[in-house]
Structure formats: C-alpha cells, structure tokens
PDB file of N, CA and C in Angstrom:
ATOM      1  N   MET A   1     -28.015 190.798 221.210  1.00  0.00           N
ATOM      2  CA  MET A   1     -26.952 189.996 220.682  1.00  0.00           C
ATOM      3  C   MET A   1     -25.630 190.304 221.371  1.00  0.00           C
ATOM      4  N   TYR A   2     -25.458 191.547 221.787  1.00  0.00           N
ATOM      5  CA  TYR A   2     -24.217 191.904 222.463  1.00  0.00           C
ATOM      6  C   TYR A   2     -24.075 191.142 223.777  1.00  0.00           C
ATOM      7  N   LEU A   3     -25.181 190.991 224.481  1.00  0.00           N
ATOM      8  CA  LEU A   3     -25.132 190.259 225.744  1.00  0.00           C
ATOM      9  C   LEU A   3     -24.794 188.791 225.516  1.00  0.00           C
ATOM     10  N   LEU A   4     -25.324 188.228 224.463  1.00  0.00           N
ATOM     11  CA  LEU A   4     -25.031 186.832 224.145  1.00  0.00           C
ATOM     12  C   LEU A   4     -23.557 186.653 223.790  1.00  0.00           C
ATOM     13  N   GLY A   5     -23.012 187.564 223.002  1.00  0.00           N
ATOM     14  CA  GLY A   5     -21.590 187.518 222.652  1.00  0.00           C
ATOM     15  C   GLY A   5     -20.704 187.677 223.874  1.00  0.00           C
ATOM     16  N   LEU A   6     -21.067 188.615 224.741  1.00  0.00           N
ATOM     17  CA  LEU A   6     -20.306 188.808 225.972  1.00  0.00           C
ATOM     18  C   LEU A   6     -20.359 187.565 226.840  1.00  0.00           C
ATOM     19  N   GLY A   7     -21.519 186.939 226.929  1.00  0.00           N
ATOM     20  CA  GLY A   7     -21.655 185.723 227.720  1.00  0.00           C
ATOM     21  C   GLY A   7     -20.793 184.593 227.187  1.00  0.00           C
ATOM     22  N   ILE A   8     -20.728 184.460 225.872  1.00  0.00           N
ATOM     23  CA  ILE A   8     -19.903 183.402 225.272  1.00  0.00           C
ATOM     24  C   ILE A   8     -18.430 183.660 225.545  1.00  0.00           C
ATOM     25  N   VAL A   9     -17.998 184.913 225.414  1.00  0.00           N
ATOM     26  CA  VAL A   9     -16.596 185.245 225.686  1.00  0.00           C
ATOM     27  C   VAL A   9     -16.255 184.980 227.148  1.00  0.00           C
ATOM     28  N   LEU A  10     -17.105 185.420 228.060  1.00  0.00           N
ATOM     29  CA  LEU A  10     -16.844 185.197 229.487  1.00  0.00           C
ATOM     30  C   LEU A  10     -16.859 183.716 229.830  1.00  0.00           C
ATOM     31  N   LEU A  11     -17.762 182.974 229.240  1.00  0.00           N
ATOM     32  CA  LEU A  11     -17.834 181.534 229.480  1.00  0.00           C
ATOM     33  C   LEU A  11     -16.558 180.842 229.007  1.00  0.00           C
ATOM     34  N   ALA A  12     -16.077 181.216 227.834  1.00  0.00           N
ATOM     35  CA  ALA A  12     -14.834 180.628 227.323  1.00  0.00           C
ATOM     36  C   ALA A  12     -13.648 180.993 228.216  1.00  0.00           C
ATOM     37  N   MET A  13     -13.608 182.245 228.664  1.00  0.00           N
ATOM     38  CA  MET A  13     -12.501 182.673 229.540  1.00  0.00           C
ATOM     39  C   MET A  13     -12.542 181.939 230.874  1.00  0.00           C
ATOM     40  N   LYS A  14     -13.722 181.734 231.408  1.00  0.00           N
ATOM     41  CA  LYS A  14     -13.852 181.019 232.680  1.00  0.00           C
ATOM     42  C   LYS A  14     -13.463 179.553 232.506  1.00  0.00           C
ATOM     43  N   TYR A  15     -13.908 178.933 231.420  1.00  0.00           N
ATOM     44  CA  TYR A  15     -13.620 177.523 231.170  1.00  0.00           C
ATOM     45  C   TYR A  15     -12.121 177.297 230.951  1.00  0.00           C
ATOM     46  N   LEU A  16     -11.495 178.206 230.210  1.00  0.00           N
ATOM     47  CA  LEU A  16     -10.070 178.087 229.926  1.00  0.00           C
ATOM     48  C   LEU A  16      -9.189 178.703 231.012  1.00  0.00           C
ATOM     49  N   GLU A  17      -9.828 179.279 232.028  1.00  0.00           N
ATOM     50  CA  GLU A  17      -9.144 179.903 233.164  1.00  0.00           C
ATOM     51  C   GLU A  17      -8.164 180.980 232.708  1.00  0.00           C
ATOM     52  N   LEU A  18      -8.672 181.916 231.918  1.00  0.00           N
ATOM     53  CA  LEU A  18      -7.874 183.019 231.411  1.00  0.00           C
ATOM     54  C   LEU A  18      -8.186 184.298 232.181  1.00  0.00           C
ATOM     55  N   GLY A  19      -7.172 185.048 232.511  1.00  0.00           N
ATOM     56  CA  GLY A  19      -7.319 186.365 233.114  1.00  0.00           C
ATOM     57  C   GLY A  19      -8.066 186.345 234.438  1.00  0.00           C
ATOM     58  N   PRO A  20      -8.570 187.505 234.809  1.00  0.00           N
ATOM     59  CA  PRO A  20      -9.268 187.620 236.096  1.00  0.00           C
ATOM     60  C   PRO A  20     -10.624 186.908 236.116  1.00  0.00           C
ATOM     61  N   VAL A  21     -11.142 186.572 234.956  1.00  0.00           N
ATOM     62  CA  VAL A  21     -12.450 185.907 234.874  1.00  0.00           C
ATOM     63  C   VAL A  21     -12.388 184.537 235.533  1.00  0.00           C
ATOM     64  N   ALA A  22     -11.219 183.921 235.575  1.00  0.00           N
ATOM     65  CA  ALA A  22     -11.072 182.594 236.183  1.00  0.00           C
ATOM     66  C   ALA A  22     -11.438 182.612 237.664  1.00  0.00           C
ATOM     67  N   ALA A  23     -11.259 183.740 238.319  1.00  0.00           N
ATOM     68  CA  ALA A  23     -11.546 183.844 239.747  1.00  0.00           C
ATOM     69  C   ALA A  23     -12.989 184.257 240.033  1.00  0.00           C
ATOM     70  N   TRP A  24     -13.727 184.663 239.018  1.00  0.00           N
ATOM     71  CA  TRP A  24     -15.107 185.109 239.210  1.00  0.00           C
ATOM     72  C   TRP A  24     -16.007 183.910 239.482  1.00  0.00           C
ATOM     73  N   SER A  25     -17.127 184.172 240.142  1.00  0.00           N
ATOM     74  CA  SER A  25     -18.093 183.096 240.390  1.00  0.00           C
ATOM     75  C   SER A  25     -18.831 182.779 239.086  1.00  0.00           C
ATOM     76  N   TRP A  26     -19.401 181.579 239.039  1.00  0.00           N
ATOM     77  CA  TRP A  26     -20.125 181.170 237.851  1.00  0.00           C
ATOM     78  C   TRP A  26     -21.368 182.036 237.635  1.00  0.00           C
ATOM     79  N   TRP A  27     -21.976 182.531 238.712  1.00  0.00           N
ATOM     80  CA  TRP A  27     -23.161 183.383 238.582  1.00  0.00           C
ATOM     81  C   TRP A  27     -22.826 184.653 237.814  1.00  0.00           C
ATOM     82  N   THR A  28     -21.667 185.222 238.078  1.00  0.00           N
ATOM     83  CA  THR A  28     -21.251 186.446 237.388  1.00  0.00           C
ATOM     84  C   THR A  28     -20.990 186.164 235.915  1.00  0.00           C
ATOM     85  N   VAL A  29     -20.387 185.027 235.632  1.00  0.00           N
ATOM     86  CA  VAL A  29     -20.060 184.670 234.245  1.00  0.00           C
ATOM     87  C   VAL A  29     -21.321 184.370 233.445  1.00  0.00           C
ATOM     88  N   LEU A  30     -22.310 183.763 234.059  1.00  0.00           N
ATOM     89  CA  LEU A  30     -23.539 183.382 233.358  1.00  0.00           C
ATOM     90  C   LEU A  30     -24.606 184.479 233.337  1.00  0.00           C
ATOM     91  N   ALA A  31     -24.379 185.562 234.067  1.00  0.00           N
ATOM     92  CA  ALA A  31     -25.358 186.653 234.139  1.00  0.00           C
ATOM     93  C   ALA A  31     -25.731 187.236 232.768  1.00  0.00           C
ATOM     94  N   PRO A  32     -24.795 187.434 231.832  1.00  0.00           N
ATOM     95  CA  PRO A  32     -25.195 187.991 230.531  1.00  0.00           C
ATOM     96  C   PRO A  32     -26.220 187.131 229.779  1.00  0.00           C
ATOM     97  N   PHE A  33     -26.191 185.818 229.975  1.00  0.00           N
ATOM     98  CA  PHE A  33     -27.191 184.964 229.325  1.00  0.00           C
ATOM     99  C   PHE A  33     -28.581 185.241 229.900  1.00  0.00           C
ATOM    100  N   GLY A  34     -28.671 185.403 231.200  1.00  0.00           N
ATOM    101  CA  GLY A  34     -29.946 185.738 231.827  1.00  0.00           C
ATOM    102  C   GLY A  34     -30.445 187.098 231.389  1.00  0.00           C
ATOM    103  N   LEU A  35     -29.529 188.069 231.296  1.00  0.00           N
ATOM    104  CA  LEU A  35     -29.918 189.401 230.837  1.00  0.00           C
ATOM    105  C   LEU A  35     -30.380 189.377 229.385  1.00  0.00           C
ATOM    106  N   ALA A  36     -29.774 188.517 228.568  1.00  0.00           N
ATOM    107  CA  ALA A  36     -30.205 188.388 227.171  1.00  0.00           C
ATOM    108  C   ALA A  36     -31.628 187.837 227.102  1.00  0.00           C
ATOM    109  N   VAL A  37     -31.941 186.870 227.941  1.00  0.00           N
ATOM    110  CA  VAL A  37     -33.298 186.309 227.971  1.00  0.00           C
ATOM    111  C   VAL A  37     -34.301 187.381 228.393  1.00  0.00           C
ATOM    112  N   VAL A  38     -33.946 188.167 229.397  1.00  0.00           N
ATOM    113  CA  VAL A  38     -34.837 189.252 229.846  1.00  0.00           C
ATOM    114  C   VAL A  38     -35.034 190.272 228.728  1.00  0.00           C
ATOM    115  N   TRP A  39     -33.946 190.628 228.040  1.00  0.00           N
ATOM    116  CA  TRP A  39     -34.037 191.589 226.933  1.00  0.00           C
ATOM    117  C   TRP A  39     -34.963 191.071 225.835  1.00  0.00           C
ATOM    118  N   TRP A  40     -34.790 189.814 225.432  1.00  0.00           N
ATOM    119  CA  TRP A  40     -35.626 189.256 224.371  1.00  0.00           C
ATOM    120  C   TRP A  40     -37.092 189.199 224.788  1.00  0.00           C
ATOM    121  N   TYR A  41     -37.351 188.865 226.044  1.00  0.00           N
ATOM    122  CA  TYR A  41     -38.730 188.835 226.530  1.00  0.00           C
ATOM    123  C   TYR A  41     -39.340 190.235 226.455  1.00  0.00           C
ATOM    124  N   TRP A  42     -38.597 191.232 226.938  1.00  0.00           N
ATOM    125  CA  TRP A  42     -39.106 192.606 226.928  1.00  0.00           C
ATOM    126  C   TRP A  42     -39.328 193.085 225.490  1.00  0.00           C
ATOM    127  N   ALA A  43     -38.369 192.800 224.596  1.00  0.00           N
ATOM    128  CA  ALA A  43     -38.487 193.260 223.218  1.00  0.00           C
ATOM    129  C   ALA A  43     -39.710 192.663 222.537  1.00  0.00           C
ATOM    130  N   ASP A  44     -39.991 191.404 222.783  1.00  0.00           N
ATOM    131  CA  ASP A  44     -41.165 190.774 222.180  1.00  0.00           C
ATOM    132  C   ASP A  44     -42.456 191.257 222.827  1.00  0.00           C
ATOM    133  N   ALA A  45     -42.453 191.402 224.147  1.00  0.00           N
ATOM    134  CA  ALA A  45     -43.667 191.806 224.858  1.00  0.00           C
ATOM    135  C   ALA A  45     -44.055 193.253 224.570  1.00  0.00           C
ATOM    136  N   SER A  46     -43.069 194.127 224.381  1.00  0.00           N
ATOM    137  CA  SER A  46     -43.365 195.543 224.173  1.00  0.00           C
ATOM    138  C   SER A  46     -43.634 195.893 222.716  1.00  0.00           C
ATOM    139  N   GLY A  47     -43.371 194.964 221.801  1.00  0.00           N
ATOM    140  CA  GLY A  47     -43.570 195.242 220.385  1.00  0.00           C
ATOM    141  C   GLY A  47     -42.356 195.861 219.718  1.00  0.00           C
ATOM    142  N   TYR A  48     -41.247 195.977 220.430  1.00  0.00           N
ATOM    143  CA  TYR A  48     -40.026 196.583 219.894  1.00  0.00           C
ATOM    144  C   TYR A  48     -39.528 195.817 218.676  1.00  0.00           C
ATOM    145  N   THR A  49     -39.517 194.511 218.747  1.00  0.00           N
ATOM    146  CA  THR A  49     -39.014 193.676 217.652  1.00  0.00           C
ATOM    147  C   THR A  49     -39.866 193.866 216.402  1.00  0.00           C
ATOM    148  N   LYS A  50     -41.161 193.839 216.551  1.00  0.00           N
ATOM    149  CA  LYS A  50     -42.067 193.989 215.406  1.00  0.00           C
ATOM    150  C   LYS A  50     -41.960 195.384 214.815  1.00  0.00           C
ATOM    151  N   ARG A  51     -41.842 196.397 215.657  1.00  0.00           N
ATOM    152  CA  ARG A  51     -41.731 197.778 215.192  1.00  0.00           C
ATOM    153  C   ARG A  51     -40.461 197.968 214.371  1.00  0.00           C
ATOM    154  N   LYS A  52     -39.339 197.416 214.834  1.00  0.00           N
ATOM    155  CA  LYS A  52     -38.083 197.523 214.098  1.00  0.00           C
ATOM    156  C   LYS A  52     -38.159 196.782 212.765  1.00  0.00           C
ATOM    157  N   ALA A  53     -38.813 195.637 212.737  1.00  0.00           N
ATOM    158  CA  ALA A  53     -38.971 194.884 211.492  1.00  0.00           C
ATOM    159  C   ALA A  53     -39.817 195.678 210.498  1.00  0.00           C
ATOM    160  N   MET A  54     -40.867 196.329 210.979  1.00  0.00           N
ATOM    161  CA  MET A  54     -41.718 197.130 210.103  1.00  0.00           C
ATOM    162  C   MET A  54     -40.963 198.346 209.572  1.00  0.00           C
ATOM    163  N   GLU A  55     -40.123 198.963 210.397  1.00  0.00           N
ATOM    164  CA  GLU A  55     -39.332 200.104 209.940  1.00  0.00           C
ATOM    165  C   GLU A  55     -38.373 199.689 208.827  1.00  0.00           C
ATOM    166  N   ARG A  56     -37.707 198.548 208.997  1.00  0.00           N
ATOM    167  CA  ARG A  56     -36.793 198.053 207.956  1.00  0.00           C
ATOM    168  C   ARG A  56     -37.556 197.755 206.665  1.00  0.00           C
ATOM    169  N   GLU A  57     -38.733 197.149 206.806  1.00  0.00           N
ATOM    170  CA  GLU A  57     -39.544 196.812 205.630  1.00  0.00           C
ATOM    171  C   GLU A  57     -39.998 198.068 204.902  1.00  0.00           C
ATOM    172  N   ASN A  58     -40.441 199.072 205.635  1.00  0.00           N
ATOM    173  CA  ASN A  58     -40.890 200.317 205.021  1.00  0.00           C
ATOM    174  C   ASN A  58     -39.735 201.055 204.337  1.00  0.00           C
ATOM    175  N   LEU A  59     -38.554 201.014 204.939  1.00  0.00           N
ATOM    176  CA  LEU A  59     -37.390 201.650 204.333  1.00  0.00           C
ATOM    177  C   LEU A  59     -37.019 200.966 203.016  1.00  0.00           C
ATOM    178  N   ARG A  60     -37.023 199.637 203.006  1.00  0.00           N
ATOM    179  CA  ARG A  60     -36.722 198.896 201.780  1.00  0.00           C
ATOM    180  C   ARG A  60     -37.759 199.184 200.695  1.00  0.00           C
ATOM    181  N   LYS A  61     -39.012 199.277 201.111  1.00  0.00           N
ATOM    182  CA  LYS A  61     -40.089 199.553 200.160  1.00  0.00           C
ATOM    183  C   LYS A  61     -39.915 200.936 199.540  1.00  0.00           C
ATOM    184  N   GLN A  62     -39.610 201.935 200.371  1.00  0.00           N
ATOM    185  CA  GLN A  62     -39.439 203.294 199.870  1.00  0.00           C
ATOM    186  C   GLN A  62     -38.216 203.396 198.959  1.00  0.00           C
ATOM    187  N   GLU A  63     -37.133 202.710 199.311  1.00  0.00           N
ATOM    188  CA  GLU A  63     -35.950 202.714 198.450  1.00  0.00           C
ATOM    189  C   GLU A  63     -36.258 202.081 197.095  1.00  0.00           C
ATOM    190  N   ARG A  64     -37.037 201.009 197.095  1.00  0.00           N
ATOM    191  CA  ARG A  64     -37.420 200.356 195.845  1.00  0.00           C
ATOM    192  C   ARG A  64     -38.290 201.277 194.997  1.00  0.00           C
ATOM    193  N   ILE A  65     -39.222 201.978 195.622  1.00  0.00           N
ATOM    194  CA  ILE A  65     -40.090 202.918 194.899  1.00  0.00           C
ATOM    195  C   ILE A  65     -39.256 204.041 194.299  1.00  0.00           C
ATOM    196  N   ASP A  66     -38.341 204.608 195.094  1.00  0.00           N
ATOM    197  CA  ASP A  66     -37.486 205.693 194.604  1.00  0.00           C
ATOM    198  C   ASP A  66     -36.609 205.222 193.445  1.00  0.00           C
ATOM    199  N   ARG A  67     -36.074 204.026 193.556  1.00  0.00           N
ATOM    200  CA  ARG A  67     -35.214 203.475 192.511  1.00  0.00           C
ATOM    201  C   ARG A  67     -36.006 203.285 191.214  1.00  0.00           C
ATOM    202  N   ASN A  68     -37.229 202.796 191.334  1.00  0.00           N
ATOM    203  CA  ASN A  68     -38.058 202.595 190.151  1.00  0.00           C
ATOM    204  C   ASN A  68     -38.481 203.919 189.514  1.00  0.00           C
ATOM    205  N   LYS A  69     -38.821 204.904 190.325  1.00  0.00           N
ATOM    206  CA  LYS A  69     -39.189 206.213 189.791  1.00  0.00           C
ATOM    207  C   LYS A  69     -38.013 206.842 189.054  1.00  0.00           C
ATOM    208  N   GLU A  70     -36.825 206.701 189.619  1.00  0.00           N
ATOM    209  CA  GLU A  70     -35.644 207.261 188.982  1.00  0.00           C
ATOM    210  C   GLU A  70     -35.332 206.528 187.668  1.00  0.00           C
ATOM    211  N   ALA A  71     -35.580 205.237 187.645  1.00  0.00           N
ATOM    212  CA  ALA A  71     -35.301 204.447 186.440  1.00  0.00           C
ATOM    213  C   ALA A  71     -36.211 204.827 185.282  1.00  0.00           C
ATOM    214  N   ILE A  72     -37.451 205.200 185.578  1.00  0.00           N
ATOM    215  CA  ILE A  72     -38.366 205.568 184.487  1.00  0.00           C
ATOM    216  C   ILE A  72     -38.420 207.076 184.274  1.00  0.00           C
ATOM    217  N   GLY A  73     -37.693 207.827 185.086  1.00  0.00           N
ATOM    218  CA  GLY A  73     -37.578 209.266 184.872  1.00  0.00           C
ATOM    219  C   GLY A  73     -38.709 210.091 185.416  1.00  0.00           C
ATOM    220  N   THR A  74     -39.448 209.591 186.397  1.00  0.00           N
ATOM    221  CA  THR A  74     -40.561 210.358 186.957  1.00  0.00           C
ATOM    222  C   THR A  74     -40.274 210.849 188.367  1.00  0.00           C
ATOM    223  N   ASN A  75     -39.052 210.792 188.764  1.00  0.00           N
ATOM    224  CA  ASN A  75     -38.702 211.213 190.120  1.00  0.00           C
ATOM    225  C   ASN A  75     -38.333 212.695 190.096  1.00  0.00           C
ATOM    226  N   PHE A  76     -39.324 213.552 190.293  1.00  0.00           N
ATOM    227  CA  PHE A  76     -39.089 214.995 190.242  1.00  0.00           C
ATOM    228  C   PHE A  76     -38.787 215.567 191.618  1.00  0.00           C
ATOM    229  N   ARG A  77     -38.869 214.764 192.611  1.00  0.00           N
ATOM    230  CA  ARG A  77     -38.636 215.228 193.977  1.00  0.00           C
ATOM    231  C   ARG A  77     -37.148 215.483 194.176  1.00  0.00           C
ATOM    232  N   LYS A  78     -36.826 216.650 194.738  1.00  0.00           N
ATOM    233  CA  LYS A  78     -35.417 216.977 194.974  1.00  0.00           C
ATOM    234  C   LYS A  78     -34.946 216.307 196.249  1.00  0.00           C
ATOM    235  N   LYS A  79     -33.713 215.836 196.208  1.00  0.00           N
ATOM    236  CA  LYS A  79     -33.134 215.224 197.409  1.00  0.00           C
ATOM    237  C   LYS A  79     -32.679 216.302 198.358  1.00  0.00           C
ATOM    238  N   ARG A  80     -32.899 216.081 199.625  1.00  0.00           N
ATOM    239  CA  ARG A  80     -32.540 217.077 200.632  1.00  0.00           C
ATOM    240  C   ARG A  80     -31.162 216.841 201.166  1.00  0.00           C
TER     241      ARG A  80
END
C-alpha cells in the first residue's frame, strides 16, 4: 500500500508540475505502481497474504476466548 500511495503522490506532483518531480521522466514517476504489482504478485504467490490473514484470525480468536474465560471467572492463567 505504501508503494501505491507514493505512486499517487508522485503522479499528482508530475501532473501539477510541482517541485523537482516535474522534471523527472514518466517512467520514474510510474515505477512505484509497477513495484506495487510485483509486490502483490509475490505476496500472493508465496502465501504471505494468507499467512498474515490467518495470524490476524488466530489472534482475534484467542482474544475472544480470553475475554470469555475472564467473563465467567475461569481464567486462572497469569498474564506475563
């Protein structure tokens, strides 16, 4: 997402001819969009995206379990 945001900012600066970006070539300004596509391809192909989604899901599940145990008074585990 950072690459996409950077690409949008650079594109706007180039279009509005602001700062030193106005003198840059279009290839340099559009490069972050290409890098974002490469990043998304790699993340999907390597399983990074799915692994991160599973980690978030497991964390939410564990927090819900801990919250429920504490609510019924059976949470005897000490917090570290």
